[in-house]
């Protein structure tokens, strides 16, 4: 009887551990982007539904990440130049431990918004920086770790920005 009980407990634990991993699906390229809700560093919230018809870049970064710190100014300058064409870039910190005051100070000089949290199926992250790009129709078009440079941004985003927003 004790063996049967131990087996039942072990099976239940295995199911409990396996189920969340199986339930959390990674975003799929060329499929509808998973819905999300961002909490920006000013406390406001933005969802994918709020951004309908825009090209969206979700950039996951960390303060300790050297490529991230090099990429952020490039993304910010690109955002400043292209936001009038329907581009939204969000820099999302992966660190809960960074004080909000430090994030506000860092992003006070930047045009692109910064987020402290994201609710949605954007992971698991294999490294930082990681970028997700969603087109005007809400389709995920890019999901990779590694920093963008200007040439890569142009190659990926210019065609998407030229696409007409769905009605």
Protein backbone atom coordinates (compact mmCIF):
# COMPACT_ATOMS: atom_id res chain seq x y z
CA UNK A 1 0.00 0.00 0.00
CA UNK A 2 2.84 2.44 0.86
CA UNK A 3 4.44 1.71 -2.53
CA UNK A 4 1.20 2.48 -4.33
CA UNK A 5 0.85 5.77 -2.40
CA UNK A 6 4.43 6.78 -3.21
CA UNK A 7 3.85 5.98 -6.88
CA UNK A 8 0.66 8.09 -6.93
CA UNK A 9 2.44 11.05 -5.31
CA UNK A 10 5.38 10.74 -7.72
CA UNK A 11 3.04 10.63 -10.73
CA UNK A 12 1.10 13.66 -9.47
CA UNK A 13 4.33 15.63 -8.94
CA UNK A 14 5.61 14.69 -12.39
CA UNK A 15 2.33 15.85 -13.95
CA UNK A 16 2.36 19.10 -11.99
CA UNK A 17 5.93 19.87 -13.05
CA UNK A 18 5.42 18.91 -16.70
CA UNK A 19 2.08 20.62 -17.27
CA UNK A 20 3.17 24.30 -16.94
CA UNK A 21 6.08 23.77 -19.31
CA UNK A 22 3.83 22.14 -21.86
CA UNK A 23 1.12 24.77 -21.43
CA UNK A 24 3.53 27.68 -21.97
CA UNK A 25 3.94 27.71 -25.73
CA UNK A 26 6.67 29.68 -27.41
CA UNK A 27 5.57 32.29 -29.92
CA UNK A 28 5.55 30.98 -33.50
CA UNK A 29 6.95 32.96 -36.44
CA UNK A 30 4.34 33.84 -39.11
CA UNK A 31 1.50 33.09 -36.67
CA UNK A 32 -0.61 35.57 -34.73
CA UNK A 33 1.49 37.16 -31.99
CA UNK A 34 0.49 36.13 -28.48
CA UNK A 35 -1.43 38.87 -26.67
CA UNK A 36 0.55 40.81 -24.10
CA UNK A 37 0.21 43.57 -21.56
CA UNK A 38 3.19 45.74 -20.68
CA UNK A 39 3.55 47.73 -17.49
CA UNK A 40 5.64 50.75 -18.41
CA UNK A 41 8.01 52.37 -15.92
CA UNK A 42 5.54 55.25 -15.50
CA UNK A 43 2.92 52.72 -14.34
CA UNK A 44 0.75 52.89 -17.46
CA UNK A 45 -0.24 49.73 -19.31
CA UNK A 46 -0.09 48.93 -23.02
CA UNK A 47 -1.48 45.84 -24.72
CA UNK A 48 -1.03 44.33 -28.16
CA UNK A 49 -4.65 45.30 -28.92
CA UNK A 50 -3.75 48.96 -28.21
CA UNK A 51 -1.05 48.78 -30.90
CA UNK A 52 -3.20 47.44 -33.75
CA UNK A 53 -1.93 48.62 -37.13
CA UNK A 54 1.58 49.43 -35.89
CA UNK A 55 4.86 47.57 -36.23
CA UNK A 56 5.96 46.56 -32.73
CA UNK A 57 9.40 45.60 -31.42
CA UNK A 58 9.65 44.03 -27.97
CA UNK A 59 13.27 44.27 -26.84
CA UNK A 60 14.22 42.26 -23.74
CA UNK A 61 17.41 43.53 -22.12
CA UNK A 62 19.40 43.58 -18.88
CA UNK A 63 21.58 46.23 -17.25
CA UNK A 64 24.55 43.84 -16.96
CA UNK A 65 24.38 42.92 -20.67
CA UNK A 66 27.02 44.79 -22.71
CA UNK A 67 25.38 44.09 -26.12
CA UNK A 68 22.07 45.31 -24.65
CA UNK A 69 23.61 48.58 -23.52
CA UNK A 70 25.08 49.08 -26.99
CA UNK A 71 21.81 48.18 -28.72
CA UNK A 72 19.51 50.47 -26.68
CA UNK A 73 20.81 53.77 -28.17
CA UNK A 74 20.52 52.30 -31.68
CA UNK A 75 16.94 51.20 -31.04
CA UNK A 76 16.09 54.55 -29.48
CA UNK A 77 17.46 56.54 -32.44
CA UNK A 78 15.64 54.24 -34.86
CA UNK A 79 12.42 54.65 -32.91
CA UNK A 80 12.77 58.44 -32.89
CA UNK A 81 13.20 58.45 -36.68
CA UNK A 82 10.52 55.88 -37.54
CA UNK A 83 7.73 56.28 -34.98
CA UNK A 84 5.93 58.66 -37.34
CA UNK A 85 5.67 55.72 -39.77
CA UNK A 86 3.90 53.51 -37.23
CA UNK A 87 6.80 51.93 -35.33
CA UNK A 88 6.61 51.21 -31.61
CA UNK A 89 9.65 49.87 -29.75
CA UNK A 90 9.47 48.84 -26.10
CA UNK A 91 12.58 48.12 -24.03
CA UNK A 92 11.59 45.51 -21.43
CA UNK A 93 13.95 44.86 -18.55
CA UNK A 94 14.43 41.23 -17.54
CA UNK A 95 15.53 42.22 -14.04
CA UNK A 96 13.02 42.66 -11.23
CA UNK A 97 15.81 43.77 -8.90
CA UNK A 98 16.64 47.02 -10.72
CA UNK A 99 15.11 49.96 -8.81
CA UNK A 100 12.44 51.82 -10.77
CA UNK A 101 14.30 55.09 -10.12
CA UNK A 102 17.35 53.74 -11.92
CA UNK A 103 15.24 52.75 -14.93
CA UNK A 104 13.53 56.13 -15.01
CA UNK A 105 16.89 57.90 -14.92
CA UNK A 106 18.24 55.75 -17.76
CA UNK A 107 15.17 56.22 -19.95
CA UNK A 108 14.67 59.91 -19.17
CA UNK A 109 16.95 60.72 -22.12
CA UNK A 110 15.36 58.17 -24.47
CA UNK A 111 12.32 58.48 -26.72
CA UNK A 112 11.26 54.82 -26.68
CA UNK A 113 9.18 53.60 -23.77
CA UNK A 114 10.56 51.19 -21.22
CA UNK A 115 8.59 48.44 -19.53
CA UNK A 116 9.13 46.80 -16.20
CA UNK A 117 6.85 43.81 -16.75
CA UNK A 118 5.16 41.85 -19.50
CA UNK A 119 2.23 39.49 -19.19
CA UNK A 120 2.14 37.17 -22.17
CA UNK A 121 3.78 34.16 -23.76
CA UNK A 122 7.09 35.70 -24.83
CA UNK A 123 9.69 33.18 -23.80
CA UNK A 124 11.53 31.32 -22.73
CA UNK A 125 14.32 33.77 -23.42
CA UNK A 126 17.54 32.04 -24.45
CA UNK A 127 19.62 35.14 -23.86
CA UNK A 128 19.58 38.91 -23.87
CA UNK A 129 19.06 40.94 -25.82
CA UNK A 130 16.10 39.13 -27.38
CA UNK A 131 13.84 40.86 -29.88
CA UNK A 132 10.33 40.05 -31.07
CA UNK A 133 8.88 41.90 -34.06
CA UNK A 134 5.15 42.01 -34.76
CA UNK A 135 3.79 43.36 -38.05
CA UNK A 136 0.83 45.68 -38.59
CA UNK A 137 -1.55 42.71 -38.88
CA UNK A 138 -0.47 41.34 -35.49
CA UNK A 139 1.66 38.53 -36.91
CA UNK A 140 4.95 37.63 -35.25
CA UNK A 141 7.63 38.08 -37.91
CA UNK A 142 10.87 37.78 -35.92
CA UNK A 143 11.97 36.25 -32.61
CA UNK A 144 15.69 35.87 -31.86
CA UNK A 145 18.29 36.61 -29.27
CA UNK A 146 21.13 38.88 -30.30
CA UNK A 147 21.51 42.61 -30.75
CA UNK A 148 20.29 44.55 -33.76
CA UNK A 149 22.55 46.91 -35.66
CA UNK A 150 21.26 49.59 -38.02
CA UNK A 151 21.56 47.42 -41.14
CA UNK A 152 19.62 44.57 -39.52
CA UNK A 153 16.91 46.97 -38.33
CA UNK A 154 16.52 48.43 -41.82
CA UNK A 155 16.46 45.01 -43.50
CA UNK A 156 13.75 43.74 -41.18
CA UNK A 157 11.66 46.80 -40.38
CA UNK A 158 11.58 48.91 -43.55
CA UNK A 159 9.53 46.33 -45.51
CA UNK A 160 7.15 45.94 -42.56
CA UNK A 161 6.74 49.70 -42.19
CA UNK A 162 5.89 49.93 -45.90
CA UNK A 163 3.04 47.44 -45.51
CA UNK A 164 -0.41 48.93 -45.29
CA UNK A 165 -2.18 48.63 -41.95
CA UNK A 166 -5.17 46.27 -42.06
CA UNK A 167 -8.58 47.88 -41.84
